Amino acid sequence: MPGREDLPSTLRRSPDKAQRTWEKTHDSAVETYGEGERSHRTAFAAVKHQFEKVGDHWEPKGRKGPSDSQAAGGGPERRAPTAGGVDARASKDHLMSVARRLDVPGRSSMTKPELVTAIEKANDRATRKARGD
């Protein structure tokens, strides 16, 4: 099964449901678009509707739906930056809680967009560390 072989390391450290979502969506996208970036983007989009990235893995969100404005609008023609798995549509209280768990410095004085960026950077650092990069 190609989805299992291509499963990103962050998803390998995540709940089974997140892994199954990635695999099923990826395999379906490969049948439609062929192997490559578009299939991976499609699979991540499906994961982001139910999960958010926290550190080096994905955790269930409190709600289902798009995690940022790019995911809400989507489409292959629109290539805008995403929030990298951070649930940018979550409340500031939720983002503050995630930032606290990730020990983001200066979080108490950050705006919501600043929290999203800081969490994204902390997630990237945690992923690099988990991969041994």
N, C-alpha and C. Protein backbone atom coordinates (compact mmCIF):
# COMPACT_ATOMS: atom_id res chain seq x y z
N MET A 1 0.85 -1.18 0.00
CA MET A 1 0.00 0.00 0.00
C MET A 1 0.89 1.24 0.00
N PRO A 2 0.86 2.09 -1.05
CA PRO A 2 1.75 3.24 -1.16
C PRO A 2 1.62 4.22 0.01
N GLY A 3 0.40 4.44 0.53
CA GLY A 3 0.21 5.39 1.62
C GLY A 3 1.01 5.02 2.85
N ARG A 4 1.05 3.74 3.17
CA ARG A 4 1.80 3.26 4.34
C ARG A 4 3.29 3.49 4.13
N GLU A 5 3.78 3.27 2.92
CA GLU A 5 5.20 3.45 2.62
C GLU A 5 5.60 4.92 2.68
N ASP A 6 4.71 5.82 2.27
CA ASP A 6 5.01 7.25 2.21
C ASP A 6 4.62 8.00 3.48
N LEU A 7 4.16 7.29 4.50
CA LEU A 7 3.66 7.93 5.72
C LEU A 7 4.75 8.79 6.35
N PRO A 8 4.51 10.11 6.47
CA PRO A 8 5.51 11.00 7.08
C PRO A 8 5.79 10.62 8.53
N SER A 9 6.98 10.91 9.00
CA SER A 9 7.38 10.53 10.36
C SER A 9 6.49 11.16 11.41
N THR A 10 5.99 12.37 11.16
CA THR A 10 5.12 13.00 12.15
C THR A 10 3.83 12.21 12.32
N LEU A 11 3.36 11.59 11.25
CA LEU A 11 2.15 10.77 11.34
C LEU A 11 2.45 9.40 11.95
N ARG A 12 3.67 8.91 11.78
CA ARG A 12 4.04 7.63 12.41
C ARG A 12 3.98 7.75 13.93
N ARG A 13 4.16 8.95 14.45
CA ARG A 13 4.12 9.19 15.90
C ARG A 13 2.73 9.66 16.36
N SER A 14 1.75 9.53 15.51
CA SER A 14 0.40 10.05 15.75
C SER A 14 -0.61 8.92 15.92
N PRO A 15 -1.84 9.25 16.34
CA PRO A 15 -2.87 8.22 16.53
C PRO A 15 -3.15 7.44 15.24
N ASP A 16 -3.62 6.21 15.42
CA ASP A 16 -3.94 5.34 14.28
C ASP A 16 -4.93 5.99 13.33
N LYS A 17 -5.91 6.71 13.86
CA LYS A 17 -6.93 7.36 13.02
C LYS A 17 -6.27 8.36 12.06
N ALA A 18 -5.30 9.12 12.55
CA ALA A 18 -4.60 10.07 11.69
C ALA A 18 -3.83 9.33 10.60
N GLN A 19 -3.22 8.22 10.95
CA GLN A 19 -2.47 7.43 9.97
C GLN A 19 -3.41 6.85 8.91
N ARG A 20 -4.55 6.31 9.36
CA ARG A 20 -5.52 5.75 8.39
C ARG A 20 -6.07 6.84 7.47
N THR A 21 -6.33 8.02 8.02
CA THR A 21 -6.83 9.13 7.20
C THR A 21 -5.82 9.47 6.12
N TRP A 22 -4.55 9.58 6.50
CA TRP A 22 -3.48 9.88 5.53
C TRP A 22 -3.42 8.80 4.46
N GLU A 23 -3.36 7.54 4.89
CA GLU A 23 -3.20 6.43 3.94
C GLU A 23 -4.34 6.35 2.94
N LYS A 24 -5.57 6.38 3.42
CA LYS A 24 -6.72 6.26 2.52
C LYS A 24 -6.78 7.43 1.54
N THR A 25 -6.57 8.64 2.05
CA THR A 25 -6.63 9.81 1.18
C THR A 25 -5.47 9.81 0.19
N HIS A 26 -4.29 9.47 0.66
CA HIS A 26 -3.11 9.43 -0.21
C HIS A 26 -3.31 8.43 -1.34
N ASP A 27 -3.76 7.23 -0.97
CA ASP A 27 -3.93 6.19 -1.99
C ASP A 27 -4.98 6.59 -3.03
N SER A 28 -6.06 7.20 -2.57
CA SER A 28 -7.09 7.66 -3.50
C SER A 28 -6.54 8.78 -4.40
N ALA A 29 -5.78 9.69 -3.80
CA ALA A 29 -5.21 10.80 -4.58
C ALA A 29 -4.19 10.30 -5.60
N VAL A 30 -3.44 9.26 -5.26
CA VAL A 30 -2.48 8.69 -6.21
C VAL A 30 -3.21 8.11 -7.42
N GLU A 31 -4.35 7.47 -7.17
CA GLU A 31 -5.15 6.94 -8.29
C GLU A 31 -5.65 8.06 -9.19
N THR A 32 -5.98 9.21 -8.57
CA THR A 32 -6.54 10.33 -9.33
C THR A 32 -5.45 11.19 -9.99
N TYR A 33 -4.44 11.57 -9.20
CA TYR A 33 -3.42 12.54 -9.67
C TYR A 33 -2.08 11.92 -9.99
N GLY A 34 -1.85 10.69 -9.56
CA GLY A 34 -0.53 10.09 -9.68
C GLY A 34 0.29 10.40 -8.44
N GLU A 35 1.42 9.70 -8.30
CA GLU A 35 2.30 9.90 -7.15
C GLU A 35 2.96 11.27 -7.24
N GLY A 36 3.11 11.93 -6.11
CA GLY A 36 3.81 13.21 -6.10
C GLY A 36 3.26 14.19 -5.09
N GLU A 37 3.70 15.43 -5.25
CA GLU A 37 3.37 16.49 -4.30
C GLU A 37 1.86 16.68 -4.13
N ARG A 38 1.12 16.64 -5.22
CA ARG A 38 -0.32 16.89 -5.13
C ARG A 38 -1.01 15.83 -4.27
N SER A 39 -0.60 14.59 -4.39
CA SER A 39 -1.18 13.53 -3.57
C SER A 39 -0.85 13.73 -2.10
N HIS A 40 0.37 14.16 -1.81
CA HIS A 40 0.77 14.42 -0.43
C HIS A 40 0.00 15.62 0.14
N ARG A 41 -0.15 16.68 -0.64
CA ARG A 41 -0.92 17.85 -0.17
C ARG A 41 -2.36 17.47 0.12
N THR A 42 -2.94 16.64 -0.75
CA THR A 42 -4.32 16.20 -0.56
C THR A 42 -4.45 15.39 0.72
N ALA A 43 -3.51 14.49 0.97
CA ALA A 43 -3.56 13.66 2.18
C ALA A 43 -3.40 14.51 3.44
N PHE A 44 -2.48 15.47 3.40
CA PHE A 44 -2.30 16.36 4.56
C PHE A 44 -3.55 17.21 4.79
N ALA A 45 -4.19 17.65 3.73
CA ALA A 45 -5.41 18.45 3.88
C ALA A 45 -6.48 17.65 4.62
N ALA A 46 -6.60 16.37 4.31
CA ALA A 46 -7.58 15.53 4.99
C ALA A 46 -7.22 15.38 6.47
N VAL A 47 -5.94 15.19 6.76
CA VAL A 47 -5.50 15.06 8.15
C VAL A 47 -5.79 16.35 8.92
N LYS A 48 -5.51 17.50 8.29
CA LYS A 48 -5.69 18.79 8.96
C LYS A 48 -7.14 19.11 9.28
N HIS A 49 -8.08 18.45 8.64
CA HIS A 49 -9.49 18.69 8.95
C HIS A 49 -9.89 18.08 10.30
N GLN A 50 -9.14 17.09 10.76
CA GLN A 50 -9.49 16.43 12.02
C GLN A 50 -8.40 16.51 13.08
N PHE A 51 -7.18 16.85 12.66
CA PHE A 51 -6.05 16.84 13.57
C PHE A 51 -5.25 18.14 13.45
N GLU A 52 -4.50 18.45 14.51
CA GLU A 52 -3.58 19.58 14.46
C GLU A 52 -2.21 19.09 14.88
N LYS A 53 -1.18 19.73 14.37
CA LYS A 53 0.18 19.34 14.69
C LYS A 53 0.57 20.00 16.00
N VAL A 54 1.04 19.18 16.92
CA VAL A 54 1.52 19.67 18.22
C VAL A 54 2.89 19.03 18.43
N GLY A 55 3.92 19.84 18.34
CA GLY A 55 5.28 19.31 18.47
C GLY A 55 5.62 18.43 17.28
N ASP A 56 5.98 17.18 17.56
CA ASP A 56 6.43 16.27 16.50
C ASP A 56 5.38 15.27 16.06
N HIS A 57 4.09 15.52 16.40
CA HIS A 57 3.03 14.58 16.04
C HIS A 57 1.71 15.32 15.86
N TRP A 58 0.68 14.58 15.47
CA TRP A 58 -0.65 15.14 15.23
C TRP A 58 -1.60 14.68 16.34
N GLU A 59 -2.46 15.60 16.81
CA GLU A 59 -3.45 15.29 17.85
C GLU A 59 -4.83 15.68 17.34
N PRO A 60 -5.87 14.99 17.82
CA PRO A 60 -7.23 15.35 17.40
C PRO A 60 -7.58 16.78 17.78
N LYS A 61 -8.28 17.48 16.87
CA LYS A 61 -8.76 18.83 17.16
C LYS A 61 -10.08 18.70 17.92
N GLY A 62 -10.48 19.77 18.55
CA GLY A 62 -11.75 19.78 19.24
C GLY A 62 -12.93 19.85 18.29
N ARG A 63 -12.67 20.19 17.04
CA ARG A 63 -13.74 20.33 16.05
C ARG A 63 -13.17 19.88 14.70
N LYS A 64 -14.06 19.53 13.80
CA LYS A 64 -13.64 19.16 12.45
C LYS A 64 -13.75 20.39 11.56
N GLY A 65 -12.91 20.46 10.56
CA GLY A 65 -12.97 21.55 9.61
C GLY A 65 -11.60 22.07 9.24
N PRO A 66 -11.56 23.03 8.33
CA PRO A 66 -10.28 23.57 7.88
C PRO A 66 -9.50 24.21 9.01
N SER A 67 -8.19 24.09 8.94
CA SER A 67 -7.34 24.61 10.01
C SER A 67 -6.81 26.01 9.73
N ASP A 68 -6.90 26.46 8.50
CA ASP A 68 -6.43 27.82 8.17
C ASP A 68 -7.16 28.32 6.93
N SER A 69 -6.92 29.56 6.56
CA SER A 69 -7.64 30.15 5.43
C SER A 69 -7.32 29.45 4.11
N GLN A 70 -6.11 28.95 3.94
CA GLN A 70 -5.77 28.22 2.71
C GLN A 70 -6.60 26.95 2.61
N ALA A 71 -6.74 26.23 3.71
CA ALA A 71 -7.53 25.00 3.70
C ALA A 71 -9.00 25.29 3.46
N ALA A 72 -9.47 26.43 3.94
CA ALA A 72 -10.88 26.79 3.75
C ALA A 72 -11.18 27.11 2.28
N GLY A 73 -10.24 27.78 1.61
CA GLY A 73 -10.45 28.15 0.21
C GLY A 73 -9.99 27.07 -0.73
N GLY A 74 -8.78 26.59 -0.49
CA GLY A 74 -8.21 25.46 -1.21
C GLY A 74 -8.20 25.57 -2.72
N GLY A 75 -8.07 24.43 -3.33
CA GLY A 75 -8.03 24.35 -4.78
C GLY A 75 -6.61 24.32 -5.29
N PRO A 76 -6.37 23.60 -6.38
CA PRO A 76 -5.00 23.48 -6.89
C PRO A 76 -4.45 24.78 -7.45
N GLU A 77 -5.32 25.70 -7.87
CA GLU A 77 -4.83 26.95 -8.45
C GLU A 77 -4.33 27.92 -7.38
N ARG A 78 -4.89 27.81 -6.18
CA ARG A 78 -4.53 28.72 -5.08
C ARG A 78 -3.41 28.11 -4.27
N ARG A 79 -2.26 28.67 -4.36
CA ARG A 79 -1.14 28.20 -3.56
C ARG A 79 -0.73 29.31 -2.61
N ALA A 80 -1.34 29.33 -1.46
CA ALA A 80 -0.99 30.30 -0.43
C ALA A 80 -0.33 29.55 0.72
N PRO A 81 0.43 30.24 1.55
CA PRO A 81 1.06 29.56 2.68
C PRO A 81 0.00 28.99 3.64
N THR A 82 0.31 27.85 4.21
CA THR A 82 -0.57 27.25 5.22
C THR A 82 0.04 27.52 6.59
N ALA A 83 -0.66 27.11 7.63
CA ALA A 83 -0.15 27.28 8.98
C ALA A 83 0.62 26.04 9.43
N GLY A 84 0.98 25.18 8.51
CA GLY A 84 1.83 24.04 8.83
C GLY A 84 1.24 23.06 9.82
N GLY A 85 -0.06 22.91 9.82
CA GLY A 85 -0.70 21.97 10.72
C GLY A 85 -1.21 22.61 12.00
N VAL A 86 -0.86 23.87 12.24
CA VAL A 86 -1.38 24.58 13.41
C VAL A 86 -2.83 24.95 13.11
N ASP A 87 -3.71 24.74 14.08
CA ASP A 87 -5.12 25.08 13.90
C ASP A 87 -5.29 26.58 14.10
N ALA A 88 -5.01 27.34 13.04
CA ALA A 88 -5.05 28.80 13.10
C ALA A 88 -6.45 29.35 13.34
N ARG A 89 -7.46 28.52 13.17
CA ARG A 89 -8.84 28.95 13.40
C ARG A 89 -9.30 28.67 14.84
N ALA A 90 -8.44 28.09 15.64
CA ALA A 90 -8.77 27.80 17.03
C ALA A 90 -8.79 29.11 17.83
N SER A 91 -9.34 29.04 19.01
CA SER A 91 -9.39 30.22 19.87
C SER A 91 -7.99 30.58 20.35
N LYS A 92 -7.84 31.82 20.77
CA LYS A 92 -6.54 32.26 21.29
C LYS A 92 -6.21 31.47 22.56
N ASP A 93 -7.22 31.16 23.37
CA ASP A 93 -6.98 30.36 24.58
C ASP A 93 -6.40 28.99 24.23
N HIS A 94 -6.94 28.36 23.18
CA HIS A 94 -6.42 27.06 22.76
C HIS A 94 -4.98 27.20 22.27
N LEU A 95 -4.73 28.20 21.45
CA LEU A 95 -3.37 28.41 20.94
C LEU A 95 -2.40 28.69 22.09
N MET A 96 -2.86 29.43 23.09
CA MET A 96 -2.02 29.72 24.25
C MET A 96 -1.70 28.42 25.00
N SER A 97 -2.68 27.54 25.10
CA SER A 97 -2.48 26.25 25.76
C SER A 97 -1.44 25.40 25.01
N VAL A 98 -1.55 25.37 23.69
CA VAL A 98 -0.58 24.62 22.88
C VAL A 98 0.80 25.24 23.03
N ALA A 99 0.88 26.56 22.98
CA ALA A 99 2.17 27.25 23.13
C ALA A 99 2.78 26.97 24.50
N ARG A 100 1.96 26.88 25.52
CA ARG A 100 2.44 26.56 26.87
C ARG A 100 3.03 25.15 26.88
N ARG A 101 2.32 24.19 26.26
CA ARG A 101 2.82 22.80 26.20
C ARG A 101 4.14 22.71 25.46
N LEU A 102 4.31 23.57 24.45
CA LEU A 102 5.54 23.55 23.65
C LEU A 102 6.61 24.48 24.23
N ASP A 103 6.28 25.13 25.35
CA ASP A 103 7.19 26.05 26.04
C ASP A 103 7.70 27.17 25.12
N VAL A 104 6.75 27.79 24.42
CA VAL A 104 7.08 28.90 23.53
C VAL A 104 7.38 30.14 24.38
N PRO A 105 8.58 30.70 24.26
CA PRO A 105 8.91 31.88 25.07
C PRO A 105 8.15 33.12 24.59
N GLY A 106 7.74 33.97 25.53
CA GLY A 106 7.06 35.22 25.19
C GLY A 106 5.62 35.07 24.78
N ARG A 107 5.05 33.91 24.96
CA ARG A 107 3.70 33.63 24.49
C ARG A 107 2.64 34.52 25.13
N SER A 108 2.84 34.93 26.35
CA SER A 108 1.80 35.69 27.05
C SER A 108 1.53 37.06 26.43
N SER A 109 2.50 37.59 25.71
CA SER A 109 2.30 38.91 25.10
C SER A 109 2.05 38.83 23.59
N MET A 110 1.88 37.63 23.06
CA MET A 110 1.70 37.46 21.61
C MET A 110 0.25 37.62 21.19
N THR A 111 0.08 38.12 19.97
CA THR A 111 -1.25 38.16 19.36
C THR A 111 -1.54 36.77 18.80
N LYS A 112 -2.77 36.56 18.37
CA LYS A 112 -3.15 35.25 17.82
C LYS A 112 -2.29 34.88 16.60
N PRO A 113 -2.11 35.78 15.62
CA PRO A 113 -1.23 35.42 14.49
C PRO A 113 0.21 35.14 14.91
N GLU A 114 0.70 35.86 15.91
CA GLU A 114 2.06 35.60 16.40
C GLU A 114 2.15 34.24 17.07
N LEU A 115 1.09 33.85 17.80
CA LEU A 115 1.07 32.52 18.42
C LEU A 115 1.11 31.43 17.36
N VAL A 116 0.32 31.60 16.30
CA VAL A 116 0.29 30.60 15.21
C VAL A 116 1.69 30.43 14.63
N THR A 117 2.37 31.52 14.36
CA THR A 117 3.73 31.47 13.79
C THR A 117 4.70 30.83 14.76
N ALA A 118 4.62 31.21 16.04
CA ALA A 118 5.53 30.66 17.05
C ALA A 118 5.30 29.17 17.24
N ILE A 119 4.04 28.74 17.24
CA ILE A 119 3.74 27.31 17.39
C ILE A 119 4.25 26.54 16.18
N GLU A 120 4.06 27.11 15.00
CA GLU A 120 4.56 26.46 13.79
C GLU A 120 6.08 26.26 13.87
N LYS A 121 6.79 27.27 14.32
CA LYS A 121 8.25 27.15 14.46
C LYS A 121 8.63 26.12 15.52
N ALA A 122 7.90 26.11 16.65
CA ALA A 122 8.18 25.13 17.70
C ALA A 122 7.90 23.71 17.20
N ASN A 123 6.83 23.55 16.42
CA ASN A 123 6.53 22.24 15.83
C ASN A 123 7.65 21.79 14.92
N ASP A 124 8.14 22.71 14.08
CA ASP A 124 9.23 22.37 13.16
C ASP A 124 10.49 21.94 13.93
N ARG A 125 10.81 22.67 15.01
CA ARG A 125 11.97 22.31 15.83
C ARG A 125 11.80 20.92 16.43
N ALA A 126 10.60 20.65 16.96
CA ALA A 126 10.33 19.35 17.59
C ALA A 126 10.43 18.22 16.56
N THR A 127 9.94 18.46 15.36
CA THR A 127 10.00 17.45 14.31
C THR A 127 11.45 17.19 13.91
N ARG A 128 12.23 18.25 13.73
CA ARG A 128 13.64 18.07 13.38
C ARG A 128 14.38 17.27 14.47
N LYS A 129 14.09 17.59 15.72
CA LYS A 129 14.72 16.89 16.83
C LYS A 129 14.32 15.41 16.85
N ALA A 130 13.05 15.13 16.62
CA ALA A 130 12.57 13.75 16.61
C ALA A 130 13.18 12.94 15.46
N ARG A 131 13.45 13.60 14.36
CA ARG A 131 14.04 12.94 13.19
C ARG A 131 15.55 12.80 13.33
N GLY A 132 16.13 13.54 14.28
CA GLY A 132 17.57 13.51 14.46
C GLY A 132 18.30 14.45 13.52
N ASP A 133 17.58 15.40 12.94
CA ASP A 133 18.19 16.38 12.00
C ASP A 133 18.99 17.43 12.74
